[in-house]
C-alpha atoms as a PDB file:
ATOM      1  CA  UNK A   1     103.368  49.012 -44.403  1.00  0.00           C
ATOM      2  CA  UNK A   2     100.691  46.027 -43.748  1.00  0.00           C
ATOM      3  CA  UNK A   3     101.956  42.804 -42.330  1.00  0.00           C
ATOM      4  CA  UNK A   4      98.726  40.634 -41.808  1.00  0.00           C
ATOM      5  CA  UNK A   5     101.044  37.183 -41.079  1.00  0.00           C
ATOM      6  CA  UNK A   6     102.681  39.272 -38.041  1.00  0.00           C
ATOM      7  CA  UNK A   7      98.950  40.422 -37.049  1.00  0.00           C
ATOM      8  CA  UNK A   8      97.900  37.188 -37.133  1.00  0.00           C
ATOM      9  CA  UNK A   9     101.004  36.217 -34.944  1.00  0.00           C
ATOM     10  CA  UNK A  10     100.007  38.305 -32.173  1.00  0.00           C
ATOM     11  CA  UNK A  11      96.207  37.144 -32.383  1.00  0.00           C
ATOM     12  CA  UNK A  12      97.410  33.961 -31.753  1.00  0.00           C
ATOM     13  CA  UNK A  13     100.268  34.752 -29.079  1.00  0.00           C
ATOM     14  CA  UNK A  14      97.706  37.157 -27.239  1.00  0.00           C
ATOM     15  CA  UNK A  15      95.004  34.553 -27.296  1.00  0.00           C
ATOM     16  CA  UNK A  16      97.058  31.567 -26.601  1.00  0.00           C
ATOM     17  CA  UNK A  17      98.466  32.972 -23.569  1.00  0.00           C
ATOM     18  CA  UNK A  18      95.313  34.858 -22.193  1.00  0.00           C
ATOM     19  CA  UNK A  19      93.644  31.170 -22.337  1.00  0.00           C
ATOM     20  CA  UNK A  20      96.757  28.903 -21.278  1.00  0.00           C
ATOM     21  CA  UNK A  21      96.546  31.461 -18.053  1.00  0.00           C
ATOM     22  CA  UNK A  22      93.294  29.909 -17.218  1.00  0.00           C
ATOM     23  CA  UNK A  23      94.509  26.409 -17.490  1.00  0.00           C
ATOM     24  CA  UNK A  24      97.706  26.631 -15.940  1.00  0.00           C
ATOM     25  CA  UNK A  25      95.712  27.294 -12.680  1.00  0.00           C
ATOM     26  CA  UNK A  26      93.748  23.706 -13.557  1.00  0.00           C
ATOM     27  CA  UNK A  27      97.230  22.479 -14.050  1.00  0.00           C
ATOM     28  CA  UNK A  28      98.156  23.457 -10.707  1.00  0.00           C
ATOM     29  CA  UNK A  29      95.136  22.799  -8.448  1.00  0.00           C
ATOM     30  CA  UNK A  30      92.835  19.879 -10.902  1.00  0.00           C
ATOM     31  CA  UNK A  31      89.679  21.054 -11.908  1.00  0.00           C
ATOM     32  CA  UNK A  32      87.734  20.295  -8.896  1.00  0.00           C
ATOM     33  CA  UNK A  33      85.986  23.985  -8.764  1.00  0.00           C
ATOM     34  CA  UNK A  34      84.805  23.347 -12.593  1.00  0.00           C
ATOM     35  CA  UNK A  35      83.801  19.879 -11.963  1.00  0.00           C
ATOM     36  CA  UNK A  36      81.469  21.293  -9.002  1.00  0.00           C
ATOM     37  CA  UNK A  37      80.017  23.804 -11.173  1.00  0.00           C
ATOM     38  CA  UNK A  38      79.232  21.228 -13.585  1.00  0.00           C
ATOM     39  CA  UNK A  39      77.644  18.982 -10.872  1.00  0.00           C
ATOM     40  CA  UNK A  40      75.712  21.446 -10.135  1.00  0.00           C
ATOM     41  CA  UNK A  41      73.856  22.549 -12.999  1.00  0.00           C
ATOM     42  CA  UNK A  42      73.077  18.588 -13.665  1.00  0.00           C
ATOM     43  CA  UNK A  43      76.006  17.491 -16.004  1.00  0.00           C
ATOM     44  CA  UNK A  44      78.653  14.851 -15.493  1.00  0.00           C
ATOM     45  CA  UNK A  45      81.935  15.452 -13.777  1.00  0.00           C
ATOM     46  CA  UNK A  46      84.046  13.789 -16.517  1.00  0.00           C
ATOM     47  CA  UNK A  47      83.423  17.401 -19.261  1.00  0.00           C
ATOM     48  CA  UNK A  48      85.487  18.956 -16.565  1.00  0.00           C
ATOM     49  CA  UNK A  49      88.605  17.037 -18.199  1.00  0.00           C
ATOM     50  CA  UNK A  50      87.843  19.085 -21.303  1.00  0.00           C
ATOM     51  CA  UNK A  51      88.973  21.850 -19.468  1.00  0.00           C
ATOM     52  CA  UNK A  52      92.195  20.592 -19.982  1.00  0.00           C
ATOM     53  CA  UNK A  53      91.920  20.332 -23.808  1.00  0.00           C
ATOM     54  CA  UNK A  54      90.495  23.254 -24.239  1.00  0.00           C
ATOM     55  CA  UNK A  55      93.074  25.077 -21.757  1.00  0.00           C
ATOM     56  CA  UNK A  56      96.013  23.875 -21.891  1.00  0.00           C
ATOM     57  CA  UNK A  57      96.356  21.861 -24.828  1.00  0.00           C
ATOM     58  CA  UNK A  58      94.683  24.327 -27.274  1.00  0.00           C
ATOM     59  CA  UNK A  59      95.949  27.883 -26.581  1.00  0.00           C
ATOM     60  CA  UNK A  60      99.598  26.175 -26.957  1.00  0.00           C
ATOM     61  CA  UNK A  61      98.684  24.681 -30.149  1.00  0.00           C
ATOM     62  CA  UNK A  62      97.133  27.896 -31.528  1.00  0.00           C
ATOM     63  CA  UNK A  63     100.457  30.418 -29.546  1.00  0.00           C
ATOM     64  CA  UNK A  64     102.763  28.184 -31.917  1.00  0.00           C
ATOM     65  CA  UNK A  65     100.665  27.951 -35.133  1.00  0.00           C
ATOM     66  CA  UNK A  66     100.233  24.221 -35.182  1.00  0.00           C
ATOM     67  CA  UNK A  67      96.580  23.702 -37.131  1.00  0.00           C
ATOM     68  CA  UNK A  68      95.726  26.783 -35.519  1.00  0.00           C
ATOM     69  CA  UNK A  69      92.319  26.781 -36.909  1.00  0.00           C
ATOM     70  CA  UNK A  70      91.779  23.022 -35.895  1.00  0.00           C
ATOM     71  CA  UNK A  71      92.691  23.757 -32.678  1.00  0.00           C
ATOM     72  CA  UNK A  72      90.425  26.918 -32.221  1.00  0.00           C
ATOM     73  CA  UNK A  73      87.322  25.777 -33.286  1.00  0.00           C
ATOM     74  CA  UNK A  74      86.359  22.837 -31.272  1.00  0.00           C
ATOM     75  CA  UNK A  75      88.020  25.198 -28.129  1.00  0.00           C
ATOM     76  CA  UNK A  76      86.103  28.220 -29.508  1.00  0.00           C
ATOM     77  CA  UNK A  77      83.365  26.031 -29.151  1.00  0.00           C
ATOM     78  CA  UNK A  78      83.694  24.686 -25.877  1.00  0.00           C
ATOM     79  CA  UNK A  79      84.638  27.634 -24.551  1.00  0.00           C
ATOM     80  CA  UNK A  80      82.094  29.491 -25.585  1.00  0.00           C
ATOM     81  CA  UNK A  81      79.424  27.274 -24.363  1.00  0.00           C
ATOM     82  CA  UNK A  82      81.014  27.202 -20.763  1.00  0.00           C
ATOM     83  CA  UNK A  83      81.012  31.264 -21.149  1.00  0.00           C
ATOM     84  CA  UNK A  84      77.246  31.362 -21.746  1.00  0.00           C
ATOM     85  CA  UNK A  85      76.623  29.008 -19.176  1.00  0.00           C
ATOM     86  CA  UNK A  86      78.186  30.605 -16.424  1.00  0.00           C
ATOM     87  CA  UNK A  87      76.905  34.160 -17.534  1.00  0.00           C
ATOM     88  CA  UNK A  88      73.322  32.958 -18.511  1.00  0.00           C
ATOM     89  CA  UNK A  89      72.145  34.957 -21.846  1.00  0.00           C
ATOM     90  CA  UNK A  90      70.388  37.777 -19.622  1.00  0.00           C
ATOM     91  CA  UNK A  91      73.873  38.544 -18.171  1.00  0.00           C
ATOM     92  CA  UNK A  92      75.650  38.711 -21.993  1.00  0.00           C
ATOM     93  CA  UNK A  93      74.138  42.215 -22.147  1.00  0.00           C
ATOM     94  CA  UNK A  94      74.544  43.987 -18.570  1.00  0.00           C
ATOM     95  CA  UNK A  95      76.758  47.124 -18.312  1.00  0.00           C
ATOM     96  CA  UNK A  96      78.945  48.142 -15.820  1.00  0.00           C
ATOM     97  CA  UNK A  97      78.436  51.520 -14.044  1.00  0.00           C
ATOM     98  CA  UNK A  98      80.820  53.183 -17.034  1.00  0.00           C
ATOM     99  CA  UNK A  99      78.484  51.478 -19.514  1.00  0.00           C
ATOM    100  CA  UNK A 100      80.626  49.001 -20.332  1.00  0.00           C
ATOM    101  CA  UNK A 101      79.471  45.060 -21.003  1.00  0.00           C
ATOM    102  CA  UNK A 102      80.281  42.760 -18.335  1.00  0.00           C
ATOM    103  CA  UNK A 103      80.847  40.490 -20.404  1.00  0.00           C
ATOM    104  CA  UNK A 104      83.162  42.253 -22.729  1.00  0.00           C
ATOM    105  CA  UNK A 105      85.928  39.411 -22.009  1.00  0.00           C
ATOM    106  CA  UNK A 106      83.684  36.871 -23.309  1.00  0.00           C
ATOM    107  CA  UNK A 107      83.135  39.375 -26.449  1.00  0.00           C
ATOM    108  CA  UNK A 108      86.874  39.401 -27.180  1.00  0.00           C
ATOM    109  CA  UNK A 109      87.905  35.939 -26.748  1.00  0.00           C
ATOM    110  CA  UNK A 110      84.776  35.240 -29.173  1.00  0.00           C
ATOM    111  CA  UNK A 111      85.841  38.077 -31.556  1.00  0.00           C
ATOM    112  CA  UNK A 112      89.453  36.311 -31.224  1.00  0.00           C
ATOM    113  CA  UNK A 113      88.579  32.954 -32.308  1.00  0.00           C
ATOM    114  CA  UNK A 114      86.836  34.209 -35.047  1.00  0.00           C
ATOM    115  CA  UNK A 115      89.329  35.401 -36.757  1.00  0.00           C
ATOM    116  CA  UNK A 116      91.914  32.679 -36.250  1.00  0.00           C
ATOM    117  CA  UNK A 117      89.220  30.242 -37.560  1.00  0.00           C
ATOM    118  CA  UNK A 118      88.442  32.062 -40.633  1.00  0.00           C
ATOM    119  CA  UNK A 119      92.122  33.315 -41.769  1.00  0.00           C
ATOM    120  CA  UNK A 120      94.199  30.179 -40.168  1.00  0.00           C
ATOM    121  CA  UNK A 121      97.556  30.776 -38.565  1.00  0.00           C
ATOM    122  CA  UNK A 122      99.409  32.711 -40.998  1.00  0.00           C
ATOM    123  CA  UNK A 123     102.376  32.595 -42.567  1.00  0.00           C
ATOM    124  CA  UNK A 124     104.596  32.798 -38.942  1.00  0.00           C
ATOM    125  CA  UNK A 125     103.530  29.539 -37.812  1.00  0.00           C
ATOM    126  CA  UNK A 126     104.978  26.087 -37.259  1.00  0.00           C
ATOM    127  CA  UNK A 127     102.115  24.108 -39.760  1.00  0.00           C
ATOM    128  CA  UNK A 128      99.993  26.466 -41.584  1.00  0.00           C
ATOM    129  CA  UNK A 129      96.123  25.710 -41.796  1.00  0.00           C
END
């Protein structure tokens, strides 16, 4: 028996919880680390506060299914830019000693995000989209 909506629920919960755990550290310790990365790259430090949006608020909304597509699209853009910026384009295809991608977690986040953006939250959501 196929239940796409249940699969979307698990997808949303997995992505939301994993992304929130990145934000949880920022809740406890602030965004100082993100600020220093941005300043070292010549970007304004106020951009670090968008981490709260993309790593705290958006993952919660995605996990509970409150306009998941709406929350995932901008959060996806911010996180993807962040990941690509940190790893740089040359490192995205770099392999580990067991021939897996070093950036495989990035690829998983991107794939999960694109699934949610393209399908929406599914039936088991606070507000379907």
